[in-house]
Protein backbone atom coordinates (compact mmCIF):
# COMPACT_ATOMS: atom_id res chain seq x y z
CA MET A 1 -0.04 0.05 0.06
CA LYS A 2 1.14 3.59 -0.70
CA ILE A 3 -0.24 6.64 0.99
CA ALA A 4 0.27 10.23 -0.05
CA ILE A 5 0.63 12.65 2.94
CA GLY A 6 0.55 16.39 2.99
CA SER A 7 0.27 19.33 5.61
CA ASP A 8 0.21 23.00 5.75
CA HIS A 9 2.32 24.85 8.32
CA ALA A 10 -0.15 24.14 11.22
CA GLY A 11 -0.06 20.38 10.53
CA PHE A 12 3.70 20.18 9.81
CA PRO A 13 4.64 19.14 13.46
CA TYR A 14 2.41 16.06 13.12
CA LYS A 15 3.41 14.99 9.69
CA ASP A 16 6.77 13.23 10.61
CA PRO A 17 5.29 11.29 13.30
CA ILE A 18 2.37 10.15 11.15
CA VAL A 19 4.82 9.15 8.36
CA ALA A 20 6.78 7.10 10.93
CA ARG A 21 3.55 5.38 12.03
CA LEU A 22 2.65 4.58 8.35
CA LYS A 23 6.15 3.11 7.78
CA GLU A 24 6.03 1.06 10.90
CA ARG A 25 2.93 -0.53 9.50
CA GLY A 26 4.80 -1.24 6.26
CA ILE A 27 3.23 1.49 4.19
CA ASP A 28 5.10 3.36 1.39
CA VAL A 29 4.80 7.08 1.78
CA ILE A 30 4.66 9.93 -0.76
CA ASP A 31 5.33 13.18 1.15
CA VAL A 32 4.00 16.11 -0.91
CA GLY A 33 5.01 18.77 1.70
CA THR A 34 5.25 21.23 3.33
CA ALA A 35 8.56 21.05 4.83
CA SER A 36 8.36 23.60 7.72
CA THR A 37 6.11 25.69 9.94
CA ALA A 38 6.46 28.72 7.61
CA SER A 39 3.03 29.96 6.59
CA THR A 40 1.68 28.28 3.56
CA ASP A 41 -1.62 27.71 1.70
CA TYR A 42 -3.34 24.44 2.59
CA PRO A 43 -5.07 23.98 -0.74
CA ILE A 44 -1.71 23.40 -2.41
CA TYR A 45 -1.15 20.31 -0.31
CA ALA A 46 -4.70 19.11 -0.31
CA PHE A 47 -4.70 19.13 -4.17
CA ARG A 48 -1.33 17.34 -4.41
CA VAL A 49 -2.52 14.49 -2.20
CA ALA A 50 -6.03 14.33 -3.82
CA ASP A 51 -4.50 14.32 -7.29
CA ALA A 52 -2.17 11.44 -6.36
CA VAL A 53 -4.94 9.41 -4.97
CA ALA A 54 -7.35 10.27 -7.97
CA ALA A 55 -4.56 9.33 -10.44
CA LYS A 56 -3.86 6.03 -8.42
CA HIS A 57 -0.21 7.07 -7.77
CA ALA A 58 -1.27 6.46 -4.07
CA ASP A 59 -3.83 4.11 -2.70
CA LEU A 60 -4.99 6.57 0.00
CA GLY A 61 -4.03 9.94 1.37
CA VAL A 62 -3.58 11.75 4.74
CA LEU A 63 -3.89 15.59 5.20
CA ILE A 64 -2.97 17.63 8.35
CA CYS A 65 -3.88 21.22 8.94
CA GLY A 66 -5.18 23.07 11.99
CA THR A 67 -8.60 21.36 12.11
CA GLY A 68 -8.69 19.07 8.90
CA ILE A 69 -11.70 20.98 7.70
CA GLY A 70 -9.94 23.24 5.29
CA MET A 71 -7.93 20.20 3.87
CA SER A 72 -11.08 18.14 3.39
CA ILE A 73 -12.98 20.95 1.68
CA ALA A 74 -10.13 21.41 -0.86
CA ALA A 75 -9.53 17.73 -1.32
CA ASN A 76 -13.17 16.97 -1.98
CA LYS A 77 -12.98 19.32 -5.12
CA VAL A 78 -10.90 16.65 -6.98
CA GLN A 79 -13.09 14.11 -8.71
CA GLY A 80 -13.09 10.63 -7.09
CA ILE A 81 -12.05 11.95 -3.75
CA ARG A 82 -13.98 11.22 -0.56
CA ALA A 83 -12.17 13.15 2.11
CA GLY A 84 -13.30 13.20 5.63
CA ALA A 85 -12.17 15.36 8.50
CA VAL A 86 -12.27 13.56 11.75
CA GLN A 87 -11.88 14.28 15.38
CA SER A 88 -12.33 10.82 16.98
CA ALA A 89 -11.18 7.25 16.38
CA PHE A 90 -14.80 6.34 15.96
CA ALA A 91 -15.29 8.88 13.22
CA ALA A 92 -12.07 7.68 11.48
CA SER A 93 -13.48 4.19 11.37
CA ALA A 94 -16.93 5.29 10.29
CA VAL A 95 -15.73 7.32 7.36
CA ARG A 96 -13.83 4.36 6.00
CA GLU A 97 -16.51 1.80 6.84
CA HIS A 98 -19.55 3.83 5.72
CA ASN A 99 -18.09 6.35 3.23
CA ASP A 100 -15.16 4.58 1.70
CA CYS A 101 -13.06 7.62 2.60
CA ASN A 102 -9.85 7.68 0.60
CA VAL A 103 -8.37 10.75 2.16
CA LEU A 104 -8.16 11.19 5.89
CA CYS A 105 -7.93 14.85 7.15
CA VAL A 106 -6.90 15.50 10.79
CA GLY A 107 -6.22 18.62 12.81
CA SER A 108 -3.28 19.48 14.93
CA ARG A 109 -5.02 22.25 16.85
CA THR A 110 -8.09 20.13 17.63
CA ASN A 111 -6.37 16.92 18.68
CA THR A 112 -3.21 15.71 20.44
CA LEU A 113 -0.68 13.82 18.44
CA PRO A 114 -1.51 10.56 20.24
CA GLU A 115 -5.17 11.07 19.40
CA VAL A 116 -4.37 11.70 15.71
CA LEU A 117 -2.14 8.65 15.52
CA SER A 118 -5.01 6.61 16.92
CA PHE A 119 -7.27 8.02 14.18
CA VAL A 120 -4.87 7.05 11.43
CA ASP A 121 -4.67 3.51 12.97
CA ALA A 122 -8.46 3.26 13.25
CA TRP A 123 -8.97 4.45 9.77
CA LEU A 124 -6.46 2.02 8.34
CA ASP A 125 -7.85 -0.90 10.38
CA ALA A 126 -11.38 -0.34 9.32
CA THR A 127 -12.81 -2.29 6.44
CA PRO A 128 -13.66 -0.10 3.42
CA ALA A 129 -17.45 0.41 2.79
CA THR A 130 -19.22 -2.94 1.95
CA GLY A 131 -22.76 -3.92 1.88
CA GLU A 132 -25.43 -2.55 -0.48
CA ARG A 133 -26.74 0.26 1.63
CA HIS A 134 -23.19 1.88 1.83
CA THR A 135 -22.07 1.17 -1.72
CA LYS A 136 -25.33 2.52 -3.01
CA ARG A 137 -24.76 5.81 -1.21
CA ILE A 138 -21.15 6.08 -2.34
CA ARG A 139 -22.40 5.35 -5.96
CA MET A 140 -24.99 8.12 -5.73
CA ILE A 141 -22.21 10.58 -4.70
CA SER A 142 -19.98 9.48 -7.48
CA ASP A 143 -22.69 9.65 -10.12
CA TYR A 144 -23.75 13.16 -9.04
CA GLU A 145 -20.02 14.19 -8.99
CA GLY A 146 -19.65 12.85 -12.56
CA GLY A 147 -22.65 14.76 -13.94
CA ASN A 148 -25.03 11.81 -13.87
CA LYS A 149 -27.69 13.53 -11.86
């Protein structure tokens, strides 16, 4: 498995520990930046990660900013991306199991690093959406996104 990861300046302090956790799990990582806490624009990194996942250069993506919300809004503009901002391990599992979330978005200002690492683990350990009720809903979203309203 390969995961693309990116952060803005607010999320940067959490990026390397998340990368380390992913590598501990045997996951290859594509780091798209940023490389410091110098102020930067989060959409740059959200689009880089989302584009990597949409183009199948990465299987999944992880984005970190202050809340995860801005990253999720930007990433969800890329066709085929289902980015979810989470603030609990339960939500991290649920976005994978119910929504087949392919980009996890977390916040460095809303959660501690140990919490965020638990979210990453919960998301990765969850079974991607299965069952007709979940796949039907995901298909509805994809169809609408693709112009098949």
